[in-house]
N, C-alpha and C. Protein backbone atom coordinates (compact mmCIF):
# COMPACT_ATOMS: atom_id res chain seq x y z
N MET A 1 -90.23 -31.46 46.08
CA MET A 1 -90.19 -30.46 45.03
C MET A 1 -89.24 -30.93 43.94
N SER A 2 -89.63 -30.69 42.73
CA SER A 2 -88.84 -31.17 41.60
C SER A 2 -88.35 -30.00 40.75
N ALA A 3 -87.40 -30.31 39.89
CA ALA A 3 -86.89 -29.31 38.96
C ALA A 3 -88.00 -28.85 38.02
N LEU A 4 -88.91 -29.76 37.68
CA LEU A 4 -90.03 -29.41 36.81
C LEU A 4 -90.96 -28.41 37.50
N GLU A 5 -91.25 -28.65 38.77
CA GLU A 5 -92.06 -27.69 39.54
C GLU A 5 -91.35 -26.34 39.61
N ASP A 6 -90.04 -26.38 39.86
CA ASP A 6 -89.25 -25.14 39.92
C ASP A 6 -89.37 -24.36 38.61
N ARG A 7 -89.30 -25.09 37.50
CA ARG A 7 -89.40 -24.44 36.18
C ARG A 7 -90.76 -23.78 36.00
N LEU A 8 -91.82 -24.47 36.42
CA LEU A 8 -93.15 -23.90 36.30
C LEU A 8 -93.31 -22.69 37.22
N VAL A 9 -92.79 -22.76 38.43
CA VAL A 9 -92.86 -21.62 39.34
C VAL A 9 -92.10 -20.43 38.77
N PHE A 10 -90.98 -20.67 38.11
CA PHE A 10 -90.24 -19.60 37.45
C PHE A 10 -91.12 -18.94 36.37
N GLN A 11 -91.81 -19.76 35.58
CA GLN A 11 -92.70 -19.23 34.54
C GLN A 11 -93.83 -18.42 35.16
N ILE A 12 -94.36 -18.89 36.27
CA ILE A 12 -95.45 -18.20 36.97
C ILE A 12 -94.98 -16.82 37.43
N ARG A 13 -93.78 -16.78 38.02
CA ARG A 13 -93.21 -15.50 38.46
C ARG A 13 -92.99 -14.55 37.28
N ALA A 14 -92.42 -15.08 36.20
CA ALA A 14 -92.14 -14.26 35.01
C ALA A 14 -93.42 -13.68 34.42
N ALA A 15 -94.52 -14.43 34.53
CA ALA A 15 -95.81 -13.97 34.02
C ALA A 15 -96.53 -13.06 35.01
N LYS A 16 -95.90 -12.84 36.17
CA LYS A 16 -96.46 -11.98 37.21
C LYS A 16 -97.81 -12.47 37.74
N LEU A 17 -97.96 -13.81 37.79
CA LEU A 17 -99.15 -14.40 38.40
C LEU A 17 -98.94 -14.49 39.91
N PRO A 18 -100.01 -14.62 40.67
CA PRO A 18 -99.83 -14.78 42.12
C PRO A 18 -98.97 -16.00 42.42
N PRO A 19 -98.07 -15.89 43.39
CA PRO A 19 -97.21 -17.03 43.71
C PRO A 19 -98.00 -18.17 44.35
N PRO A 20 -97.68 -19.40 44.00
CA PRO A 20 -98.39 -20.53 44.58
C PRO A 20 -97.77 -20.93 45.93
N GLU A 21 -98.58 -21.58 46.72
CA GLU A 21 -98.08 -22.28 47.90
C GLU A 21 -97.61 -23.64 47.41
N ARG A 22 -96.48 -24.11 47.92
CA ARG A 22 -95.94 -25.39 47.46
C ARG A 22 -96.07 -26.45 48.54
N GLU A 23 -96.33 -27.68 48.10
CA GLU A 23 -96.41 -28.83 49.00
C GLU A 23 -97.44 -28.61 50.11
N ALA A 24 -98.62 -28.16 49.73
CA ALA A 24 -99.67 -27.82 50.69
C ALA A 24 -100.50 -29.04 51.07
N VAL A 25 -100.77 -29.17 52.35
CA VAL A 25 -101.69 -30.21 52.85
C VAL A 25 -103.08 -29.58 52.84
N LEU A 26 -103.99 -30.15 52.06
CA LEU A 26 -105.31 -29.53 51.86
C LEU A 26 -106.47 -30.36 52.38
N ILE A 27 -106.27 -31.64 52.58
CA ILE A 27 -107.33 -32.53 53.06
C ILE A 27 -106.95 -32.99 54.47
N PRO A 28 -107.65 -32.50 55.49
CA PRO A 28 -107.32 -32.90 56.87
C PRO A 28 -107.34 -34.43 57.03
N GLY A 29 -106.35 -34.91 57.73
CA GLY A 29 -106.25 -36.35 57.98
C GLY A 29 -105.60 -37.15 56.87
N ARG A 30 -105.22 -36.48 55.77
CA ARG A 30 -104.55 -37.17 54.66
C ARG A 30 -103.12 -36.68 54.57
N ARG A 31 -102.21 -37.57 54.21
CA ARG A 31 -100.80 -37.23 54.17
C ARG A 31 -100.38 -36.58 52.85
N PHE A 32 -101.14 -36.78 51.79
CA PHE A 32 -100.69 -36.25 50.51
C PHE A 32 -100.69 -34.73 50.49
N ARG A 33 -99.84 -34.21 49.60
CA ARG A 33 -99.67 -32.76 49.46
C ARG A 33 -99.93 -32.36 48.02
N ALA A 34 -100.43 -31.16 47.86
CA ALA A 34 -100.62 -30.60 46.52
C ALA A 34 -99.31 -29.95 46.09
N ASP A 35 -98.90 -30.18 44.85
CA ASP A 35 -97.64 -29.61 44.36
C ASP A 35 -97.67 -28.08 44.45
N LEU A 36 -98.67 -27.48 43.83
CA LEU A 36 -98.83 -26.02 43.83
C LEU A 36 -100.30 -25.72 44.11
N CYS A 37 -100.56 -24.70 44.93
CA CYS A 37 -101.96 -24.34 45.15
C CYS A 37 -102.10 -22.85 45.41
N TRP A 38 -103.29 -22.39 45.11
CA TRP A 38 -103.72 -21.03 45.38
C TRP A 38 -105.00 -21.17 46.20
N ARG A 39 -104.86 -21.08 47.52
CA ARG A 39 -105.99 -21.32 48.42
C ARG A 39 -107.16 -20.39 48.15
N ASP A 40 -106.88 -19.11 47.93
CA ASP A 40 -107.97 -18.16 47.73
C ASP A 40 -108.75 -18.43 46.45
N GLN A 41 -108.15 -19.12 45.50
CA GLN A 41 -108.81 -19.47 44.25
C GLN A 41 -109.32 -20.92 44.24
N LYS A 42 -109.01 -21.67 45.32
CA LYS A 42 -109.33 -23.11 45.39
C LYS A 42 -108.82 -23.83 44.13
N LEU A 43 -107.57 -23.51 43.78
CA LEU A 43 -106.94 -24.07 42.59
C LEU A 43 -105.68 -24.84 42.97
N VAL A 44 -105.55 -26.04 42.41
CA VAL A 44 -104.38 -26.89 42.61
C VAL A 44 -103.79 -27.20 41.25
N CYS A 45 -102.47 -27.23 41.17
CA CYS A 45 -101.78 -27.69 39.97
C CYS A 45 -100.86 -28.83 40.38
N GLU A 46 -101.13 -30.01 39.83
CA GLU A 46 -100.31 -31.19 40.08
C GLU A 46 -99.35 -31.35 38.91
N VAL A 47 -98.07 -31.43 39.21
CA VAL A 47 -97.03 -31.55 38.19
C VAL A 47 -96.56 -32.99 38.17
N ASP A 48 -96.98 -33.73 37.14
CA ASP A 48 -96.67 -35.16 37.04
C ASP A 48 -95.38 -35.36 36.26
N GLY A 49 -94.28 -35.49 36.98
CA GLY A 49 -92.99 -35.76 36.34
C GLY A 49 -92.79 -37.26 36.16
N GLY A 50 -91.85 -37.63 35.36
CA GLY A 50 -91.51 -39.04 35.18
C GLY A 50 -92.54 -39.85 34.41
N CYS A 51 -93.41 -39.19 33.67
CA CYS A 51 -94.46 -39.90 32.93
C CYS A 51 -93.90 -40.79 31.82
N PHE A 52 -92.77 -40.39 31.28
CA PHE A 52 -92.23 -41.11 30.12
C PHE A 52 -91.04 -41.99 30.47
N VAL A 53 -90.71 -42.08 31.76
CA VAL A 53 -89.54 -42.89 32.14
C VAL A 53 -89.89 -43.87 33.25
N ALA A 54 -91.10 -44.39 33.22
CA ALA A 54 -91.57 -45.36 34.23
C ALA A 54 -91.44 -44.79 35.64
N GLY A 55 -91.79 -43.54 35.76
CA GLY A 55 -91.77 -42.90 37.08
C GLY A 55 -92.99 -43.29 37.90
N ARG A 56 -93.09 -42.73 39.09
CA ARG A 56 -94.17 -43.07 40.01
C ARG A 56 -95.55 -42.83 39.40
N HIS A 57 -95.69 -41.76 38.62
CA HIS A 57 -97.00 -41.41 38.08
C HIS A 57 -97.46 -42.35 36.97
N SER A 58 -96.61 -43.24 36.50
CA SER A 58 -97.01 -44.14 35.42
C SER A 58 -97.07 -45.60 35.86
N ARG A 59 -96.94 -45.85 37.14
CA ARG A 59 -97.06 -47.21 37.68
C ARG A 59 -98.42 -47.37 38.35
N GLY A 60 -98.86 -48.60 38.45
CA GLY A 60 -100.20 -48.91 38.97
C GLY A 60 -100.56 -48.21 40.27
N MET A 61 -99.78 -48.39 41.31
CA MET A 61 -100.12 -47.80 42.60
C MET A 61 -99.98 -46.28 42.57
N GLY A 62 -99.01 -45.77 41.81
CA GLY A 62 -98.87 -44.32 41.69
C GLY A 62 -100.08 -43.69 41.01
N VAL A 63 -100.55 -44.33 39.94
CA VAL A 63 -101.72 -43.84 39.22
C VAL A 63 -102.94 -43.92 40.14
N THR A 64 -103.07 -45.02 40.86
CA THR A 64 -104.19 -45.20 41.78
C THR A 64 -104.19 -44.13 42.86
N SER A 65 -103.04 -43.86 43.45
CA SER A 65 -102.93 -42.83 44.49
C SER A 65 -103.23 -41.44 43.93
N ASP A 66 -102.74 -41.17 42.72
CA ASP A 66 -103.00 -39.87 42.09
C ASP A 66 -104.50 -39.69 41.83
N CYS A 67 -105.18 -40.75 41.40
CA CYS A 67 -106.63 -40.67 41.17
C CYS A 67 -107.36 -40.38 42.48
N GLU A 68 -106.98 -41.06 43.54
CA GLU A 68 -107.61 -40.83 44.84
C GLU A 68 -107.41 -39.38 45.29
N LYS A 69 -106.18 -38.90 45.19
CA LYS A 69 -105.86 -37.53 45.57
C LYS A 69 -106.69 -36.53 44.76
N HIS A 70 -106.71 -36.70 43.45
CA HIS A 70 -107.46 -35.81 42.56
C HIS A 70 -108.94 -35.82 42.92
N ASN A 71 -109.49 -37.01 43.11
CA ASN A 71 -110.92 -37.12 43.41
C ASN A 71 -111.27 -36.49 44.76
N LEU A 72 -110.47 -36.72 45.79
CA LEU A 72 -110.73 -36.13 47.10
C LEU A 72 -110.65 -34.61 47.04
N LEU A 73 -109.67 -34.09 46.32
CA LEU A 73 -109.56 -32.64 46.16
C LEU A 73 -110.78 -32.08 45.44
N THR A 74 -111.21 -32.74 44.37
CA THR A 74 -112.37 -32.30 43.61
C THR A 74 -113.63 -32.33 44.48
N LEU A 75 -113.81 -33.40 45.23
CA LEU A 75 -114.98 -33.50 46.11
C LEU A 75 -114.97 -32.44 47.21
N ALA A 76 -113.78 -31.98 47.58
CA ALA A 76 -113.65 -30.94 48.60
C ALA A 76 -113.78 -29.53 47.99
N GLY A 77 -114.07 -29.46 46.68
CA GLY A 77 -114.32 -28.17 46.05
C GLY A 77 -113.12 -27.53 45.37
N TRP A 78 -112.02 -28.25 45.26
CA TRP A 78 -110.82 -27.72 44.60
C TRP A 78 -110.92 -27.95 43.10
N ARG A 79 -110.41 -26.99 42.33
CA ARG A 79 -110.21 -27.19 40.89
C ARG A 79 -108.80 -27.72 40.74
N VAL A 80 -108.64 -28.80 39.99
CA VAL A 80 -107.34 -29.47 39.89
C VAL A 80 -106.90 -29.49 38.43
N LEU A 81 -105.74 -28.89 38.18
CA LEU A 81 -105.09 -28.99 36.86
C LEU A 81 -103.93 -29.96 37.00
N ARG A 82 -103.82 -30.89 36.06
CA ARG A 82 -102.69 -31.82 36.05
C ARG A 82 -101.87 -31.55 34.81
N VAL A 83 -100.56 -31.41 35.00
CA VAL A 83 -99.67 -31.10 33.88
C VAL A 83 -98.47 -32.04 33.91
N THR A 84 -97.86 -32.21 32.73
CA THR A 84 -96.65 -33.01 32.60
C THR A 84 -95.51 -32.10 32.13
N ASN A 85 -94.34 -32.71 31.99
CA ASN A 85 -93.19 -31.94 31.50
C ASN A 85 -93.45 -31.36 30.11
N VAL A 86 -94.20 -32.04 29.29
CA VAL A 86 -94.54 -31.53 27.95
C VAL A 86 -95.32 -30.23 28.08
N HIS A 87 -96.29 -30.19 28.99
CA HIS A 87 -97.12 -29.00 29.18
C HIS A 87 -96.32 -27.83 29.74
N VAL A 88 -95.36 -28.12 30.62
CA VAL A 88 -94.52 -27.05 31.17
C VAL A 88 -93.61 -26.51 30.06
N ARG A 89 -93.01 -27.40 29.29
CA ARG A 89 -92.08 -26.97 28.24
C ARG A 89 -92.77 -26.20 27.12
N ASP A 90 -93.96 -26.63 26.71
CA ASP A 90 -94.59 -25.96 25.56
C ASP A 90 -95.45 -24.74 25.96
N GLY A 91 -95.52 -24.46 27.27
CA GLY A 91 -96.25 -23.28 27.73
C GLY A 91 -97.73 -23.51 28.03
N SER A 92 -98.22 -24.73 27.75
CA SER A 92 -99.64 -25.02 28.01
C SER A 92 -99.98 -24.87 29.49
N ALA A 93 -99.11 -25.37 30.36
CA ALA A 93 -99.37 -25.30 31.80
C ALA A 93 -99.56 -23.85 32.24
N LEU A 94 -98.68 -22.98 31.81
CA LEU A 94 -98.79 -21.58 32.17
C LEU A 94 -100.06 -20.95 31.61
N ARG A 95 -100.41 -21.25 30.38
CA ARG A 95 -101.64 -20.71 29.78
C ARG A 95 -102.87 -21.15 30.57
N TRP A 96 -102.92 -22.43 30.96
CA TRP A 96 -104.06 -22.92 31.73
C TRP A 96 -104.13 -22.24 33.09
N LEU A 97 -102.97 -22.04 33.72
CA LEU A 97 -102.95 -21.36 35.02
C LEU A 97 -103.40 -19.90 34.88
N GLU A 98 -102.94 -19.23 33.83
CA GLU A 98 -103.36 -17.85 33.59
C GLU A 98 -104.89 -17.78 33.45
N GLU A 99 -105.45 -18.71 32.72
CA GLU A 99 -106.91 -18.71 32.52
C GLU A 99 -107.64 -19.02 33.84
N ALA A 100 -107.11 -19.96 34.59
CA ALA A 100 -107.76 -20.36 35.85
C ALA A 100 -107.66 -19.30 36.93
N LEU A 101 -106.57 -18.54 36.90
CA LEU A 101 -106.37 -17.51 37.92
C LEU A 101 -106.99 -16.19 37.50
């Protein structure tokens, strides 16, 4: 869990949206976890931190792993929103979640 996820969860609470499950395992037999999810809505929100500072999400293997995770979730019927710190700060992430929920 990251400070960026915490910030988005705070915004979700303030907007009185349903609370997300955090760090959820959604694909049996796979180790990866979804940052935020709403099982009843089949909605996942992935919070990609470190995009501008050579973090995991901007390196080759990190990008490759993120693509695999996103694709497997999509194939399993999940709707996946991906957001960055810019989207959390400018309110776009919250607006997209409001629309999706």
